[in-house]
Amino acid sequence: MAQLVYDETGRLLFTKEMKEEYTLLMPQMLPVHFGMFQQLLRLEGYRVDMLTTNHRGIVDEGLKYVHNDTCYPALLVIGQLIDAVKHGGYDPHKVALFITQTGGGCRASNYIHLLRKALEKAELGFVPVVSVNLSGLEKNPGFSLRLPLVRKMVYAMLYGDLIVNVANQVRPYEVEPGAADAAITFWQDQLIDGFQKGQGMSRAQMRDNFDAICDYFAQIPVQGEPKIRVGVVGEIYVKFAPLGNNNLEQFLLSEGVEPVVPGLTDFIIFKIYNRVVDVDLYGGKWVKKAACQAFMKYIEACQRDMIEALERSNRFRAPGPFSQLHELVQGYLGDGNKMGEGWLLTAEMLELIHSGTGNIVCTQPFGCLPNHIAGKGMIRKLKDDYPYSNIVAIDYDPGATKINQENRIKLMLANARGLQQHTQSPRRETVNAPSHTLTHAGAHA
């Protein structure tokens, strides 16, 4: 059995011996993306389980061990991890916990410390916690994000964004229920198999895979008239995680609408861009700025490849690049507004409005002050500029009932159906987006 080793500050380390013996538990945020991340980590020799649990006991565990003034995503992530250790059938002495650290001013940077305090309270202080970060905040002998792994994860992120994008445009119209989900599973397996063989890891191969994914989903038979589109924005965890938003996308589908969810890539570019802006605003090392600019430029180039594949398909709508988001938000929020989702949240709402998705659910978790400012706080301004925008802020917290959340969304959808009679004409120059054309069943938008 691996010995417990502590550093000079008293922090329990995840050692090389633990890598061989322990199972790393990873909370789920984006099911498609994190499923690929899990497999990539397994290919690196880690034993990783992704937690997909979704029940009230998770909230109860969080409430038991996390201060009730802490933001709701922290309560959920910590509650899910502790619930898994206590009730997931694992040997508590053979598990370690994954948690991300952004290194920014958001309280998410301190989730790891809250998690360790919660483990102590639960008499589980012997369970190691592994920080996943690119800021050098915490290091462990048994875990490292080596450059080849980071590169694979960047590619998996882009593949995940594309798969989710095209699946969301197919799923509401599929002739055979479950066809889009089956296609997701197929491509996850294909891509991971390719990674294992060293394939799909060059720009040229990635472009080929992008085209193949678009072609594959375009062949799924669809039918019916185009549905009302509803965008989903907000704090990153509650926006993406079914546990955090009470299965919001599934609910929207059940209401007969098409969910539109901005991808993860823009958020990652945003975080890198913030490092560049920090040097400009507050000073710092030019080497750090240059390295961040190079990394950002590479991801943006890959993102353009993805967008071009969607445009070439002549079937799927393509999102705008990060640079377009930054342009849209000018005059609303400045680069210094970067805590949490910062100006990106407002920019995502603007992009949705400009691309014809003026109906938006803004997911607001309890305790996320930046999100309330850049999200809920900007709704009135957006409504003034775009009168036919239809945005509703939905609160997510331990005491919020699912039925109340869904009733508020239903009211927004009723407004959306009324607004459908009007032609939306944004005051500012609109973003060109491919028309939504349904094929294979004679339907056309």
Protein backbone atom coordinates (compact mmCIF):
# COMPACT_ATOMS: atom_id res chain seq x y z
CA MET A 1 0.00 0.00 0.00
CA ALA A 2 1.31 3.47 -0.94
CA GLN A 3 2.69 5.51 1.93
CA LEU A 4 1.14 8.90 2.68
CA VAL A 5 3.66 11.63 1.87
CA TYR A 6 3.31 15.30 2.79
CA ASP A 7 5.19 18.35 1.53
CA GLU A 8 6.78 20.99 3.74
CA THR A 9 3.45 22.83 4.11
CA GLY A 10 1.67 19.69 5.31
CA ARG A 11 -0.18 19.07 2.02
CA LEU A 12 -0.85 15.42 1.24
CA LEU A 13 0.83 14.54 -2.07
CA PHE A 14 -0.32 12.24 -4.85
CA THR A 15 2.75 10.04 -5.33
CA LYS A 16 4.02 7.85 -8.16
CA GLU A 17 3.05 4.79 -6.13
CA MET A 18 -0.50 6.13 -5.85
CA LYS A 19 -0.68 6.46 -9.63
CA GLU A 20 -0.28 2.69 -9.82
CA GLU A 21 -2.76 1.82 -7.05
CA TYR A 22 -5.33 4.62 -6.71
CA THR A 23 -8.44 5.47 -8.71
CA LEU A 24 -8.77 9.17 -9.52
CA LEU A 25 -12.35 10.43 -9.29
CA MET A 26 -13.20 13.21 -11.73
CA PRO A 27 -16.40 15.31 -11.52
CA GLN A 28 -18.29 15.60 -14.78
CA MET A 29 -19.01 18.96 -16.38
CA LEU A 30 -19.35 18.37 -20.13
CA PRO A 31 -20.32 14.72 -20.71
CA VAL A 32 -18.84 14.44 -24.23
CA HIS A 33 -15.63 16.38 -23.59
CA PHE A 34 -14.93 14.88 -20.18
CA GLY A 35 -15.58 11.39 -21.52
CA MET A 36 -12.68 11.91 -23.92
CA PHE A 37 -10.52 13.54 -21.25
CA GLN A 38 -11.08 10.48 -19.07
CA GLN A 39 -9.92 8.13 -21.80
CA LEU A 40 -6.87 10.27 -22.57
CA LEU A 41 -5.83 10.15 -18.92
CA ARG A 42 -6.28 6.38 -18.93
CA LEU A 43 -3.98 6.18 -21.95
CA GLU A 44 -1.39 8.01 -19.81
CA GLY A 45 -1.57 5.23 -17.22
CA TYR A 46 -3.97 6.82 -14.73
CA ARG A 47 -6.95 4.98 -13.31
CA VAL A 48 -9.76 7.51 -13.77
CA ASP A 49 -13.48 7.27 -13.13
CA MET A 50 -15.79 10.10 -14.22
CA LEU A 51 -18.64 10.73 -11.80
CA THR A 52 -22.05 10.86 -13.47
CA THR A 53 -24.15 10.64 -10.31
CA ASN A 54 -27.12 12.99 -10.13
CA HIS A 55 -29.31 12.86 -7.02
CA ARG A 56 -30.32 14.96 -4.02
CA GLY A 57 -27.80 13.22 -1.78
CA ILE A 58 -25.02 15.12 -3.57
CA VAL A 59 -26.50 18.45 -2.52
CA ASP A 60 -27.00 17.16 1.01
CA GLU A 61 -23.35 16.10 1.27
CA GLY A 62 -22.29 19.50 0.00
CA LEU A 63 -24.49 21.31 2.52
CA LYS A 64 -23.07 19.16 5.30
CA TYR A 65 -19.43 19.94 4.63
CA VAL A 66 -19.32 23.26 2.72
CA HIS A 67 -20.20 26.68 4.15
CA ASN A 68 -23.65 27.71 2.93
CA ASP A 69 -22.34 31.04 1.64
CA THR A 70 -20.11 29.26 -0.88
CA CYS A 71 -21.08 29.37 -4.54
CA TYR A 72 -23.39 26.59 -5.69
CA PRO A 73 -20.93 24.93 -8.15
CA ALA A 74 -18.43 24.42 -5.29
CA LEU A 75 -21.12 22.82 -3.18
CA LEU A 76 -22.08 20.45 -6.00
CA VAL A 77 -18.55 19.46 -7.02
CA ILE A 78 -17.43 18.85 -3.43
CA GLY A 79 -20.69 17.11 -2.55
CA GLN A 80 -20.38 14.81 -5.57
CA LEU A 81 -16.79 13.88 -4.74
CA ILE A 82 -17.49 13.16 -1.05
CA ASP A 83 -20.66 11.25 -1.93
CA ALA A 84 -18.61 9.07 -4.30
CA VAL A 85 -15.95 8.34 -1.67
CA LYS A 86 -18.55 7.49 0.99
CA HIS A 87 -21.22 5.76 -1.07
CA GLY A 88 -19.72 4.95 -4.48
CA GLY A 89 -18.38 1.52 -3.64
CA TYR A 90 -14.73 2.62 -3.61
CA ASP A 91 -12.09 1.77 -1.03
CA PRO A 92 -11.58 5.23 0.56
CA HIS A 93 -7.91 4.38 1.05
CA LYS A 94 -7.45 3.76 -2.67
CA VAL A 95 -8.98 6.88 -4.20
CA ALA A 96 -7.78 10.39 -5.00
CA LEU A 97 -9.84 13.35 -6.17
CA PHE A 98 -9.37 15.54 -9.25
CA ILE A 99 -10.30 19.21 -9.10
CA THR A 100 -9.39 22.10 -11.42
CA GLN A 101 -7.78 25.38 -10.39
CA THR A 102 -7.95 28.34 -12.75
CA GLY A 103 -5.54 30.50 -10.79
CA GLY A 104 -7.70 33.60 -11.33
CA GLY A 105 -9.73 35.75 -8.99
CA CYS A 106 -12.81 33.53 -9.19
CA ARG A 107 -13.50 31.56 -6.01
CA ALA A 108 -13.11 28.42 -8.12
CA SER A 109 -9.37 28.78 -7.54
CA ASN A 110 -10.06 28.01 -3.88
CA TYR A 111 -12.39 25.03 -4.35
CA ILE A 112 -9.40 22.77 -3.68
CA HIS A 113 -8.92 24.23 -0.20
CA LEU A 114 -12.64 23.94 0.54
CA LEU A 115 -12.51 20.32 -0.61
CA ARG A 116 -9.63 19.50 1.73
CA LYS A 117 -11.45 21.12 4.66
CA ALA A 118 -14.56 19.13 3.79
CA LEU A 119 -12.56 15.89 3.69
CA GLU A 120 -11.15 16.64 7.14
CA LYS A 121 -14.66 17.25 8.50
CA ALA A 122 -15.82 13.97 6.96
CA GLU A 123 -12.83 12.16 8.55
CA LEU A 124 -11.42 11.51 5.07
CA GLY A 125 -8.30 13.63 5.38
CA PHE A 126 -6.19 10.73 4.11
CA VAL A 127 -7.69 11.09 0.60
CA PRO A 128 -5.29 12.96 -1.73
CA VAL A 129 -6.57 15.87 -3.81
CA VAL A 130 -4.93 16.52 -7.18
CA SER A 131 -4.99 20.01 -8.67
CA VAL A 132 -5.41 20.17 -12.45
CA ASN A 133 -4.00 23.53 -13.51
CA LEU A 134 -1.71 25.17 -16.04
CA SER A 135 -0.52 27.85 -13.61
CA GLY A 136 1.94 25.86 -11.52
CA LEU A 137 -0.24 26.32 -8.43
CA GLU A 138 0.22 22.82 -7.02
CA LYS A 139 2.41 19.96 -8.17
CA ASN A 140 2.33 16.27 -7.35
CA PRO A 141 5.00 13.61 -8.01
CA GLY A 142 2.38 11.22 -9.38
CA PHE A 143 0.56 13.58 -11.74
CA SER A 144 1.71 15.99 -14.41
CA LEU A 145 0.15 17.69 -17.41
CA ARG A 146 2.91 17.03 -19.91
CA LEU A 147 2.83 18.93 -23.20
CA PRO A 148 1.76 15.90 -25.32
CA LEU A 149 -1.20 15.33 -22.96
CA VAL A 150 -2.15 19.02 -22.99
CA ARG A 151 -2.06 18.95 -26.79
CA LYS A 152 -4.32 15.91 -26.93
CA MET A 153 -6.74 17.56 -24.49
CA VAL A 154 -6.88 20.70 -26.64
CA TYR A 155 -7.75 18.54 -29.65
CA ALA A 156 -10.33 16.60 -27.61
CA MET A 157 -11.87 19.91 -26.52
CA LEU A 158 -12.23 21.05 -30.13
CA TYR A 159 -13.61 17.69 -31.24
CA GLY A 160 -16.03 17.82 -28.29
CA ASP A 161 -17.24 21.29 -29.21
CA LEU A 162 -17.87 20.24 -32.81
CA ILE A 163 -19.65 17.01 -31.84
CA VAL A 164 -21.93 18.78 -29.34
CA ASN A 165 -22.63 21.55 -31.87
CA VAL A 166 -23.76 19.25 -34.67
CA ALA A 167 -25.55 16.84 -32.31
CA ASN A 168 -27.64 19.71 -30.90
CA GLN A 169 -28.64 20.66 -34.46
CA VAL A 170 -29.68 17.08 -35.26
CA ARG A 171 -31.19 15.71 -32.05
CA PRO A 172 -34.45 17.80 -32.05
CA TYR A 173 -35.24 16.60 -35.59
CA GLU A 174 -33.95 13.03 -35.74
CA VAL A 175 -36.30 10.49 -37.30
CA GLU A 176 -34.93 7.69 -35.14
CA PRO A 177 -34.71 8.71 -31.45
CA GLY A 178 -31.21 8.21 -30.09
CA ALA A 179 -29.46 8.46 -33.46
CA ALA A 180 -27.50 11.58 -32.49
CA ASP A 181 -26.43 10.03 -29.18
CA ALA A 182 -25.29 6.88 -30.97
CA ALA A 183 -23.25 9.04 -33.37
CA ILE A 184 -21.63 10.81 -30.39
CA THR A 185 -20.56 7.48 -28.88
CA PHE A 186 -19.22 6.31 -32.25
CA TRP A 187 -17.06 9.38 -32.72
CA GLN A 188 -15.80 9.43 -29.14
CA ASP A 189 -14.57 5.85 -29.65
CA GLN A 190 -13.12 6.67 -33.07
CA LEU A 191 -11.17 9.67 -31.83
CA ILE A 192 -9.79 7.96 -28.73
CA ASP A 193 -8.74 4.99 -30.84
CA GLY A 194 -6.99 7.44 -33.15
CA PHE A 195 -5.22 9.15 -30.25
CA GLN A 196 -4.00 5.76 -29.08
CA LYS A 197 -2.48 5.20 -32.54
CA GLY A 198 -1.07 8.71 -32.73
CA GLN A 199 -3.65 9.77 -35.32
CA GLY A 200 -5.78 12.91 -35.47
CA MET A 201 -3.01 14.88 -33.78
CA SER A 202 -1.95 17.19 -36.62
CA ARG A 203 -3.80 20.18 -38.03
CA ALA A 204 -4.31 18.42 -41.37
CA GLN A 205 -5.65 15.24 -39.73
CA MET A 206 -7.86 17.31 -37.45
CA ARG A 207 -9.38 19.13 -40.44
CA ASP A 208 -10.12 15.77 -42.06
CA ASN A 209 -11.77 14.56 -38.85
CA PHE A 210 -13.82 17.76 -38.60
CA ASP A 211 -15.17 17.21 -42.12
CA ALA A 212 -15.84 13.52 -41.42
CA ILE A 213 -17.77 14.35 -38.22
CA CYS A 214 -19.91 16.93 -40.04
CA ASP A 215 -20.58 14.49 -42.89
CA TYR A 216 -21.48 11.68 -40.47
CA PHE A 217 -24.03 13.75 -38.54
CA ALA A 218 -25.40 15.28 -41.75
CA GLN A 219 -26.37 11.77 -42.89
CA ILE A 220 -28.65 11.20 -39.88
CA PRO A 221 -32.25 11.36 -41.20
CA VAL A 222 -34.17 14.36 -39.86
CA GLN A 223 -37.67 15.70 -40.28
CA GLY A 224 -39.96 18.51 -39.24
CA GLU A 225 -40.00 22.29 -39.42
CA PRO A 226 -37.20 24.28 -37.75
CA LYS A 227 -37.89 24.68 -34.04
CA ILE A 228 -37.48 27.72 -31.83
CA ARG A 229 -33.84 27.96 -30.79
CA VAL A 230 -32.91 28.67 -27.16
CA GLY A 231 -29.37 29.60 -26.17
CA VAL A 232 -27.85 28.56 -22.84
CA VAL A 233 -25.23 30.77 -21.18
CA GLY A 234 -24.05 31.44 -17.64
CA GLU A 235 -21.48 30.29 -15.11
CA ILE A 236 -19.43 27.57 -16.78
CA TYR A 237 -20.30 24.64 -14.49
CA VAL A 238 -24.04 25.31 -14.22
CA LYS A 239 -24.17 26.12 -17.94
CA PHE A 240 -22.70 22.75 -18.97
CA ALA A 241 -23.23 20.21 -16.17
CA PRO A 242 -26.56 18.32 -16.09
CA LEU A 243 -26.11 18.02 -12.31
CA GLY A 244 -25.77 21.80 -12.01
CA ASN A 245 -28.67 22.85 -14.24
CA ASN A 246 -31.18 20.08 -13.48
CA ASN A 247 -30.78 18.54 -16.96
CA LEU A 248 -31.66 21.81 -18.66
CA GLU A 249 -30.90 20.68 -22.22
CA GLN A 250 -33.10 17.61 -21.83
CA PHE A 251 -35.91 19.81 -20.52
CA LEU A 252 -35.60 22.19 -23.47
CA LEU A 253 -35.77 19.25 -25.87
CA SER A 254 -38.89 17.99 -24.10
CA GLU A 255 -40.46 21.41 -24.66
CA GLY A 256 -39.94 21.09 -28.41
CA VAL A 257 -37.11 23.59 -28.85
CA GLU A 258 -33.53 23.35 -30.13
CA PRO A 259 -30.86 24.08 -27.49
CA VAL A 260 -27.87 26.15 -28.59
CA VAL A 261 -24.93 25.93 -26.20
CA PRO A 262 -21.69 27.88 -26.85
CA GLY A 263 -18.61 25.66 -26.68
CA LEU A 264 -15.75 25.32 -24.22
CA THR A 265 -13.06 26.57 -26.61
CA ASP A 266 -14.05 30.24 -26.31
CA PHE A 267 -13.83 30.01 -22.52
CA ILE A 268 -10.32 28.52 -22.66
CA ILE A 269 -9.14 31.16 -25.14
CA PHE A 270 -10.72 33.78 -22.88
CA LYS A 271 -8.71 32.51 -19.90
CA ILE A 272 -5.47 32.60 -21.90
CA TYR A 273 -6.30 36.05 -23.26
CA ASN A 274 -6.74 37.28 -19.70
CA ARG A 275 -3.10 36.39 -18.97
CA VAL A 276 -2.08 38.57 -21.91
CA VAL A 277 -4.31 41.42 -20.71
CA ASP A 278 -2.90 41.17 -17.18
CA VAL A 279 0.54 42.07 -18.48
CA ASP A 280 -0.88 45.01 -20.44
CA LEU A 281 -2.99 46.32 -17.56
CA TYR A 282 -0.85 45.59 -14.53
CA GLY A 283 2.62 44.83 -15.87
CA GLY A 284 4.53 41.57 -15.87
CA LYS A 285 7.01 39.51 -17.82
CA TRP A 286 6.93 39.86 -21.59
CA VAL A 287 8.02 36.23 -21.89
CA LYS A 288 4.80 35.12 -20.18
CA LYS A 289 2.77 37.37 -22.46
CA ALA A 290 4.50 36.04 -25.58
CA ALA A 291 4.00 32.41 -24.53
CA CYS A 292 0.30 33.00 -23.84
CA GLN A 293 -0.13 34.80 -27.15
CA ALA A 294 1.47 31.90 -29.03
CA PHE A 295 -0.72 29.33 -27.24
CA MET A 296 -3.82 31.43 -27.84
CA LYS A 297 -2.96 31.92 -31.53
CA TYR A 298 -2.64 28.15 -31.98
CA ILE A 299 -6.01 27.37 -30.38
CA GLU A 300 -7.70 30.16 -32.35
CA ALA A 301 -6.29 28.71 -35.59
CA CYS A 302 -7.70 25.29 -34.66
CA GLN A 303 -11.02 26.90 -33.81
CA ARG A 304 -11.12 28.50 -37.28
CA ASP A 305 -10.57 25.05 -38.79
CA MET A 306 -13.63 23.81 -36.90
CA ILE A 307 -15.75 26.79 -37.97
CA GLU A 308 -14.72 26.35 -41.61
CA ALA A 309 -15.71 22.66 -41.50
CA LEU A 310 -19.18 23.62 -40.28
CA GLU A 311 -19.48 26.24 -43.02
CA ARG A 312 -18.33 23.77 -45.70
CA SER A 313 -20.99 21.29 -44.59
CA ASN A 314 -23.80 23.54 -45.90
CA ARG A 315 -25.94 21.83 -43.29
CA PHE A 316 -24.90 23.18 -39.90
CA ARG A 317 -24.74 26.67 -38.43
CA ALA A 318 -21.26 27.72 -37.37
CA PRO A 319 -20.42 29.87 -34.34
CA GLY A 320 -18.21 32.92 -34.69
CA PRO A 321 -14.53 32.90 -33.71
CA PHE A 322 -13.28 34.26 -30.39
CA SER A 323 -12.13 37.47 -32.08
CA GLN A 324 -15.70 38.14 -33.17
CA LEU A 325 -16.97 37.69 -29.62
CA HIS A 326 -14.42 40.21 -28.41
CA GLU A 327 -15.51 42.64 -31.10
CA LEU A 328 -19.21 42.28 -30.28
CA VAL A 329 -18.75 43.14 -26.61
CA GLN A 330 -16.96 46.43 -27.29
CA GLY A 331 -19.00 49.25 -25.78
CA TYR A 332 -20.54 46.93 -23.20
CA LEU A 333 -17.73 45.63 -20.99
CA GLY A 334 -13.97 46.12 -20.97
CA ASP A 335 -11.15 43.58 -20.85
CA GLY A 336 -10.66 44.21 -17.13
CA ASN A 337 -14.05 42.62 -16.42
CA LYS A 338 -12.67 39.10 -16.41
CA MET A 339 -13.55 37.42 -13.10
CA GLY A 340 -15.42 34.18 -13.64
CA GLU A 341 -16.90 34.33 -17.15
CA GLY A 342 -16.50 38.13 -17.20
CA TRP A 343 -17.18 39.91 -20.48
CA LEU A 344 -17.34 36.58 -22.32
CA LEU A 345 -20.78 35.89 -20.84
CA THR A 346 -22.20 39.11 -22.27
CA ALA A 347 -20.39 38.44 -25.55
CA GLU A 348 -21.99 34.99 -25.83
CA MET A 349 -25.44 36.51 -25.40
CA LEU A 350 -24.64 39.09 -28.08
CA GLU A 351 -23.44 36.40 -30.48
CA LEU A 352 -26.59 34.36 -29.92
CA ILE A 353 -28.76 37.41 -30.60
CA HIS A 354 -26.80 38.35 -33.74
CA SER A 355 -27.00 34.79 -35.10
CA GLY A 356 -30.77 34.60 -34.72
CA THR A 357 -31.03 32.92 -31.31
CA GLY A 358 -32.58 35.73 -29.28
CA ASN A 359 -34.21 33.41 -26.74
CA ILE A 360 -31.66 32.79 -24.00
CA VAL A 361 -31.54 31.07 -20.61
CA CYS A 362 -28.87 32.65 -18.40
CA THR A 363 -27.99 30.13 -15.68
CA GLN A 364 -27.19 31.94 -12.43
CA PRO A 365 -25.74 29.89 -9.54
CA PHE A 366 -25.99 31.18 -6.00
CA GLY A 367 -22.89 33.02 -4.83
CA CYS A 368 -21.42 33.82 -8.27
CA LEU A 369 -21.20 37.61 -8.10
CA PRO A 370 -19.29 38.12 -11.41
CA ASN A 371 -21.89 36.00 -13.19
CA HIS A 372 -24.74 38.10 -11.82
CA ILE A 373 -23.05 41.29 -13.00
CA ALA A 374 -22.00 40.15 -16.49
CA GLY A 375 -25.12 38.01 -16.92
CA LYS A 376 -28.23 39.20 -15.13
CA GLY A 377 -26.83 42.72 -14.80
CA MET A 378 -26.50 43.13 -18.57
CA ILE A 379 -29.93 41.84 -19.58
CA ARG A 380 -31.62 45.26 -19.39
CA LYS A 381 -28.93 46.84 -21.55
CA LEU A 382 -29.24 44.08 -24.14
CA LYS A 383 -33.02 44.39 -24.08
CA ASP A 384 -32.73 48.14 -24.72
CA ASP A 385 -30.43 47.56 -27.70
CA TYR A 386 -32.25 44.49 -29.03
CA PRO A 387 -35.96 44.83 -28.11
CA TYR A 388 -36.84 41.38 -29.47
CA SER A 389 -34.24 39.59 -27.37
CA ASN A 390 -35.92 37.28 -24.86
CA ILE A 391 -33.56 36.52 -21.97
CA VAL A 392 -34.44 34.92 -18.64
CA ALA A 393 -32.07 34.52 -15.69
CA ILE A 394 -32.66 31.27 -13.79
CA ASP A 395 -31.30 30.86 -10.27
CA TYR A 396 -29.70 27.57 -9.27
CA ASP A 397 -29.07 26.94 -5.59
CA PRO A 398 -29.79 24.24 -2.95
CA GLY A 399 -33.21 25.70 -2.17
CA ALA A 400 -34.39 26.36 -5.73
CA THR A 401 -36.98 23.84 -6.89
CA LYS A 402 -36.82 22.32 -10.34
CA ILE A 403 -40.50 23.03 -10.94
CA ASN A 404 -40.05 26.76 -10.33
CA GLN A 405 -37.04 26.87 -12.65
CA GLU A 406 -38.93 25.04 -15.38
CA ASN A 407 -42.02 27.23 -14.98
CA ARG A 408 -39.93 30.36 -15.51
CA ILE A 409 -38.39 28.83 -18.61
CA LYS A 410 -41.86 27.87 -19.88
CA LEU A 411 -42.91 31.51 -19.51
CA MET A 412 -39.88 32.57 -21.56
CA LEU A 413 -40.82 29.98 -24.21
CA ALA A 414 -44.36 31.37 -24.33
CA ASN A 415 -42.85 34.79 -25.01
CA ALA A 416 -40.60 33.21 -27.66
CA ARG A 417 -43.56 31.78 -29.51
CA GLY A 418 -45.22 35.19 -29.45
CA LEU A 419 -42.09 36.90 -30.70
CA GLN A 420 -41.81 34.34 -33.50
CA GLN A 421 -44.41 36.36 -35.35
CA HIS A 422 -42.03 39.31 -35.56
CA THR A 423 -38.85 39.64 -37.60
CA GLN A 424 -35.88 40.24 -35.35
CA SER A 425 -33.76 43.14 -36.61
CA PRO A 426 -30.76 43.81 -34.36
CA ARG A 427 -29.78 47.43 -34.09
CA ARG A 428 -26.13 46.68 -34.76
CA GLU A 429 -24.64 44.93 -37.76
CA THR A 430 -25.61 41.27 -37.63
CA VAL A 431 -23.30 38.30 -37.84
CA ASN A 432 -23.77 36.21 -40.98
CA ALA A 433 -24.72 32.65 -40.08
CA PRO A 434 -25.53 29.72 -42.38
CA SER A 435 -29.25 29.01 -42.72
CA HIS A 436 -30.59 26.02 -40.83
CA THR A 437 -31.55 23.56 -43.53
CA LEU A 438 -33.00 20.16 -42.65
CA THR A 439 -32.32 17.34 -45.09
CA HIS A 440 -33.24 13.74 -45.75
CA ALA A 441 -36.91 14.16 -44.89
CA GLY A 442 -37.95 16.98 -47.16
CA ALA A 443 -37.88 19.65 -44.46
CA HIS A 444 -36.38 23.01 -45.29
CA ALA A 445 -36.00 26.20 -43.26
